[in-house]
Each structure stands twice: as C-alpha cells, then as structure tokens.
C-alpha cells in the first residue's frame, strides 16, 4: 500500500494541497528546537560585568 504524500483541503471555493513530507519535517524541527530549549545551558566561569556606571 502506498503512503499518501499530499492532503487536499477543500474550503468552499478554495482548495489547498498540503505536502505531508514538509509538515513532518517542520514538526521534527520544532520538536528538536523545543528539546534544545529545555536543556540547561552551560555557564562559563566569567562573571558578567554591569555596563551601567557606578552610582554615587
């Protein structure tokens, strides 16, 4: 059996053709981005300097 690669959506007079391979790849990229943002980032040993001038 062949897997469908496109999906048609009919909305009144409008017809949309969705490429399912493209949808899957976008979901994969979004999943990777979400997983990367959930992992804690390493901090370097340097302290951040305050860029504002000292107050008197």
PDB file of N, CA and C in Angstrom:
ATOM      1  N   UNK A   1       0.836  -1.184   0.000  1.00  0.00           N
ATOM      2  CA  UNK A   1       0.000   0.000   0.000  1.00  0.00           C
ATOM      3  C   UNK A   1       0.879   1.245   0.000  1.00  0.00           C
ATOM      4  N   UNK A   2       0.557   2.209  -0.835  1.00  0.00           N
ATOM      5  CA  UNK A   2       1.315   3.449  -0.937  1.00  0.00           C
ATOM      6  C   UNK A   2       0.914   4.439   0.135  1.00  0.00           C
ATOM      7  N   UNK A   3       1.878   5.138   0.674  1.00  0.00           N
ATOM      8  CA  UNK A   3       1.605   6.173   1.675  1.00  0.00           C
ATOM      9  C   UNK A   3       1.254   7.467   0.951  1.00  0.00           C
ATOM     10  N   UNK A   4       0.234   8.168   1.463  1.00  0.00           N
ATOM     11  CA  UNK A   4      -0.149   9.441   0.866  1.00  0.00           C
ATOM     12  C   UNK A   4       0.914  10.477   1.164  1.00  0.00           C
ATOM     13  N   UNK A   5       1.276  11.253   0.158  1.00  0.00           N
ATOM     14  CA  UNK A   5       2.270  12.299   0.342  1.00  0.00           C
ATOM     15  C   UNK A   5       1.636  13.680   0.322  1.00  0.00           C
ATOM     16  N   UNK A   6       0.376  13.776  -0.110  1.00  0.00           N
ATOM     17  CA  UNK A   6      -0.319  15.043  -0.145  1.00  0.00           C
ATOM     18  C   UNK A   6      -1.681  14.906   0.523  1.00  0.00           C
ATOM     19  N   UNK A   7      -2.213  16.028   0.951  1.00  0.00           N
ATOM     20  CA  UNK A   7      -3.543  16.049   1.544  1.00  0.00           C
ATOM     21  C   UNK A   7      -4.278  17.248   0.952  1.00  0.00           C
ATOM     22  N   UNK A   8      -5.495  17.013   0.485  1.00  0.00           N
ATOM     23  CA  UNK A   8      -6.301  18.097  -0.070  1.00  0.00           C
ATOM     24  C   UNK A   8      -7.289  18.591   0.976  1.00  0.00           C
ATOM     25  N   UNK A   9      -7.380  19.902   1.100  1.00  0.00           N
ATOM     26  CA  UNK A   9      -8.354  20.524   1.992  1.00  0.00           C
ATOM     27  C   UNK A   9      -9.214  21.432   1.130  1.00  0.00           C
ATOM     28  N   UNK A  10     -10.519  21.181   1.139  1.00  0.00           N
ATOM     29  CA  UNK A  10     -11.449  21.982   0.346  1.00  0.00           C
ATOM     30  C   UNK A  10     -12.285  22.814   1.308  1.00  0.00           C
ATOM     31  N   UNK A  11     -12.235  24.127   1.118  1.00  0.00           N
ATOM     32  CA  UNK A  11     -12.949  25.061   1.975  1.00  0.00           C
ATOM     33  C   UNK A  11     -13.737  26.008   1.059  1.00  0.00           C
ATOM     34  N   UNK A  12     -14.987  25.670   0.782  1.00  0.00           N
ATOM     35  CA  UNK A  12     -15.778  26.483  -0.150  1.00  0.00           C
ATOM     36  C   UNK A  12     -15.177  26.393  -1.535  1.00  0.00           C
ATOM     37  N   UNK A  13     -14.784  27.542  -2.104  1.00  0.00           N
ATOM     38  CA  UNK A  13     -14.170  27.568  -3.428  1.00  0.00           C
ATOM     39  C   UNK A  13     -12.655  27.433  -3.377  1.00  0.00           C
ATOM     40  N   UNK A  14     -12.096  27.349  -2.179  1.00  0.00           N
ATOM     41  CA  UNK A  14     -10.647  27.275  -2.026  1.00  0.00           C
ATOM     42  C   UNK A  14     -10.205  25.816  -1.878  1.00  0.00           C
ATOM     43  N   UNK A  15      -9.113  25.480  -2.539  1.00  0.00           N
ATOM     44  CA  UNK A  15      -8.546  24.136  -2.443  1.00  0.00           C
ATOM     45  C   UNK A  15      -7.084  24.281  -2.059  1.00  0.00           C
ATOM     46  N   UNK A  16      -6.685  23.602  -0.980  1.00  0.00           N
ATOM     47  CA  UNK A  16      -5.314  23.632  -0.505  1.00  0.00           C
ATOM     48  C   UNK A  16      -4.724  22.241  -0.640  1.00  0.00           C
ATOM     49  N   UNK A  17      -3.502  22.157  -1.126  1.00  0.00           N
ATOM     50  CA  UNK A  17      -2.794  20.889  -1.203  1.00  0.00           C
ATOM     51  C   UNK A  17      -1.633  20.954  -0.214  1.00  0.00           C
ATOM     52  N   UNK A  18      -1.645  20.077   0.769  1.00  0.00           N
ATOM     53  CA  UNK A  18      -0.645  20.073   1.820  1.00  0.00           C
ATOM     54  C   UNK A  18       0.360  18.963   1.537  1.00  0.00           C
ATOM     55  N   UNK A  19       1.634  19.291   1.535  1.00  0.00           N
ATOM     56  CA  UNK A  19       2.697  18.311   1.347  1.00  0.00           C
ATOM     57  C   UNK A  19       3.019  17.717   2.713  1.00  0.00           C
ATOM     58  N   UNK A  20       2.675  16.456   2.926  1.00  0.00           N
ATOM     59  CA  UNK A  20       2.818  15.823   4.226  1.00  0.00           C
ATOM     60  C   UNK A  20       4.288  15.626   4.620  1.00  0.00           C
ATOM     61  N   UNK A  21       5.181  15.452   3.653  1.00  0.00           N
ATOM     62  CA  UNK A  21       6.607  15.354   3.964  1.00  0.00           C
ATOM     63  C   UNK A  21       7.111  16.664   4.568  1.00  0.00           C
ATOM     64  N   UNK A  22       6.645  17.781   4.017  1.00  0.00           N
ATOM     65  CA  UNK A  22       7.033  19.096   4.526  1.00  0.00           C
ATOM     66  C   UNK A  22       6.491  19.296   5.943  1.00  0.00           C
ATOM     67  N   UNK A  23       5.251  18.904   6.184  1.00  0.00           N
ATOM     68  CA  UNK A  23       4.647  19.035   7.507  1.00  0.00           C
ATOM     69  C   UNK A  23       5.439  18.218   8.523  1.00  0.00           C
ATOM     70  N   UNK A  24       5.812  16.999   8.153  1.00  0.00           N
ATOM     71  CA  UNK A  24       6.560  16.139   9.063  1.00  0.00           C
ATOM     72  C   UNK A  24       7.923  16.738   9.383  1.00  0.00           C
ATOM     73  N   UNK A  25       8.610  17.268   8.379  1.00  0.00           N
ATOM     74  CA  UNK A  25       9.935  17.837   8.631  1.00  0.00           C
ATOM     75  C   UNK A  25       9.836  19.079   9.517  1.00  0.00           C
ATOM     76  N   UNK A  26       8.788  19.890   9.344  1.00  0.00           N
ATOM     77  CA  UNK A  26       8.593  21.063  10.205  1.00  0.00           C
ATOM     78  C   UNK A  26       8.320  20.644  11.637  1.00  0.00           C
ATOM     79  N   UNK A  27       7.538  19.588  11.825  1.00  0.00           N
ATOM     80  CA  UNK A  27       7.255  19.097  13.172  1.00  0.00           C
ATOM     81  C   UNK A  27       8.531  18.563  13.825  1.00  0.00           C
ATOM     82  N   UNK A  28       9.362  17.878  13.042  1.00  0.00           N
ATOM     83  CA  UNK A  28      10.624  17.358  13.559  1.00  0.00           C
ATOM     84  C   UNK A  28      11.531  18.502  14.004  1.00  0.00           C
ATOM     85  N   UNK A  29      11.624  19.555  13.178  1.00  0.00           N
ATOM     86  CA  UNK A  29      12.468  20.701  13.534  1.00  0.00           C
ATOM     87  C   UNK A  29      11.936  21.403  14.776  1.00  0.00           C
ATOM     88  N   UNK A  30      10.617  21.545  14.885  1.00  0.00           N
ATOM     89  CA  UNK A  30      10.021  22.195  16.048  1.00  0.00           C
ATOM     90  C   UNK A  30      10.271  21.366  17.302  1.00  0.00           C
ATOM     91  N   UNK A  31      10.210  20.063  17.188  1.00  0.00           N
ATOM     92  CA  UNK A  31      10.474  19.186  18.319  1.00  0.00           C
ATOM     93  C   UNK A  31      11.913  19.287  18.788  1.00  0.00           C
ATOM     94  N   UNK A  32      12.843  19.352  17.838  1.00  0.00           N
ATOM     95  CA  UNK A  32      14.252  19.496  18.196  1.00  0.00           C
ATOM     96  C   UNK A  32      14.504  20.828  18.874  1.00  0.00           C
ATOM     97  N   UNK A  33      13.876  21.889  18.370  1.00  0.00           N
ATOM     98  CA  UNK A  33      14.059  23.221  18.944  1.00  0.00           C
ATOM     99  C   UNK A  33      13.514  23.252  20.369  1.00  0.00           C
ATOM    100  N   UNK A  34      12.372  22.615  20.600  1.00  0.00           N
ATOM    101  CA  UNK A  34      11.776  22.573  21.931  1.00  0.00           C
ATOM    102  C   UNK A  34      12.677  21.791  22.880  1.00  0.00           C
ATOM    103  N   UNK A  35      13.192  20.656  22.433  1.00  0.00           N
ATOM    104  CA  UNK A  35      14.069  19.855  23.290  1.00  0.00           C
ATOM    105  C   UNK A  35      15.346  20.611  23.620  1.00  0.00           C
ATOM    106  N   UNK A  36      15.893  21.369  22.658  1.00  0.00           N
ATOM    107  CA  UNK A  36      17.119  22.122  22.905  1.00  0.00           C
ATOM    108  C   UNK A  36      16.884  23.240  23.913  1.00  0.00           C
ATOM    109  N   UNK A  37      15.726  23.880  23.865  1.00  0.00           N
ATOM    110  CA  UNK A  37      15.457  24.983  24.786  1.00  0.00           C
ATOM    111  C   UNK A  37      15.195  24.469  26.197  1.00  0.00           C
ATOM    112  N   UNK A  38      14.849  23.184  26.353  1.00  0.00           N
ATOM    113  CA  UNK A  38      14.583  22.626  27.668  1.00  0.00           C
ATOM    114  C   UNK A  38      15.860  22.189  28.384  1.00  0.00           C
ATOM    115  N   UNK A  39      16.944  21.971  27.643  1.00  0.00           N
ATOM    116  CA  UNK A  39      18.185  21.541  28.273  1.00  0.00           C
ATOM    117  C   UNK A  39      18.905  22.760  28.844  1.00  0.00           C
ATOM    118  N   UNK A  40      19.444  22.653  30.072  1.00  0.00           N
ATOM    119  CA  UNK A  40      20.134  23.799  30.665  1.00  0.00           C
ATOM    120  C   UNK A  40      21.426  24.083  29.916  1.00  0.00           C
ATOM    121  N   UNK A  41      21.729  25.356  29.768  1.00  0.00           N
ATOM    122  CA  UNK A  41      22.938  25.757  29.063  1.00  0.00           C
ATOM    123  C   UNK A  41      24.084  25.875  30.055  1.00  0.00           C
ATOM    124  N   UNK A  42      25.289  25.555  29.599  1.00  0.00           N
ATOM    125  CA  UNK A  42      26.464  25.669  30.448  1.00  0.00           C
ATOM    126  C   UNK A  42      26.812  27.138  30.622  1.00  0.00           C
ATOM    127  N   UNK A  43      27.210  27.488  31.830  1.00  0.00           N
ATOM    128  CA  UNK A  43      27.637  28.856  32.088  1.00  0.00           C
ATOM    129  C   UNK A  43      29.157  28.868  32.132  1.00  0.00           C
ATOM    130  N   UNK A  44      29.716  29.903  31.523  1.00  0.00           N
ATOM    131  CA  UNK A  44      31.167  29.998  31.609  1.00  0.00           C
ATOM    132  C   UNK A  44      31.531  30.589  32.971  1.00  0.00           C
ATOM    133  N   UNK A  45      32.765  30.436  33.379  1.00  0.00           N
ATOM    134  CA  UNK A  45      33.198  30.825  34.706  1.00  0.00           C
ATOM    135  C   UNK A  45      33.316  32.323  34.905  1.00  0.00           C
ATOM    136  N   UNK A  46      33.193  33.106  33.858  1.00  0.00           N
ATOM    137  CA  UNK A  46      33.355  34.550  33.964  1.00  0.00           C
ATOM    138  C   UNK A  46      32.093  35.195  34.520  1.00  0.00           C
ATOM    139  N   UNK A  47      32.274  36.175  35.376  1.00  0.00           N
ATOM    140  CA  UNK A  47      31.138  36.922  35.907  1.00  0.00           C
ATOM    141  C   UNK A  47      30.773  38.003  34.895  1.00  0.00           C
ATOM    142  N   UNK A  48      29.511  38.290  34.796  1.00  0.00           N
ATOM    143  CA  UNK A  48      29.079  39.350  33.886  1.00  0.00           C
ATOM    144  C   UNK A  48      29.355  40.712  34.515  1.00  0.00           C
ATOM    145  N   UNK A  49      29.808  41.609  33.703  1.00  0.00           N
ATOM    146  CA  UNK A  49      30.076  42.964  34.178  1.00  0.00           C
ATOM    147  C   UNK A  49      28.819  43.807  33.986  1.00  0.00           C
ATOM    148  N   UNK A  50      28.589  44.657  34.919  1.00  0.00           N
ATOM    149  CA  UNK A  50      27.455  45.588  34.820  1.00  0.00           C
ATOM    150  C   UNK A  50      27.892  46.739  33.932  1.00  0.00           C
ATOM    151  N   UNK A  51      27.179  46.992  32.866  1.00  0.00           N
ATOM    152  CA  UNK A  51      27.583  48.021  31.913  1.00  0.00           C
ATOM    153  C   UNK A  51      27.169  49.423  32.349  1.00  0.00           C
ATOM    154  N   UNK A  52      26.366  49.543  33.413  1.00  0.00           N
ATOM    155  CA  UNK A  52      25.951  50.877  33.854  1.00  0.00           C
ATOM    156  C   UNK A  52      27.046  51.479  34.732  1.00  0.00           C
ATOM    157  N   UNK A  53      27.210  52.798  34.701  1.00  0.00           N
ATOM    158  CA  UNK A  53      28.251  53.445  35.516  1.00  0.00           C
ATOM    159  C   UNK A  53      27.921  53.336  36.998  1.00  0.00           C
ATOM    160  N   UNK A  54      28.922  53.345  37.839  1.00  0.00           N
ATOM    161  CA  UNK A  54      28.682  53.252  39.279  1.00  0.00           C
ATOM    162  C   UNK A  54      27.878  54.431  39.779  1.00  0.00           C
ATOM    163  N   UNK A  55      27.002  54.171  40.720  1.00  0.00           N
ATOM    164  CA  UNK A  55      26.169  55.245  41.266  1.00  0.00           C
ATOM    165  C   UNK A  55      26.803  55.765  42.545  1.00  0.00           C
ATOM    166  N   UNK A  56      26.648  57.112  42.808  1.00  0.00           N
ATOM    167  CA  UNK A  56      27.256  57.703  43.996  1.00  0.00           C
ATOM    168  C   UNK A  56      26.280  57.772  45.131  1.00  0.00           C
TER     169      UNK A  56
END
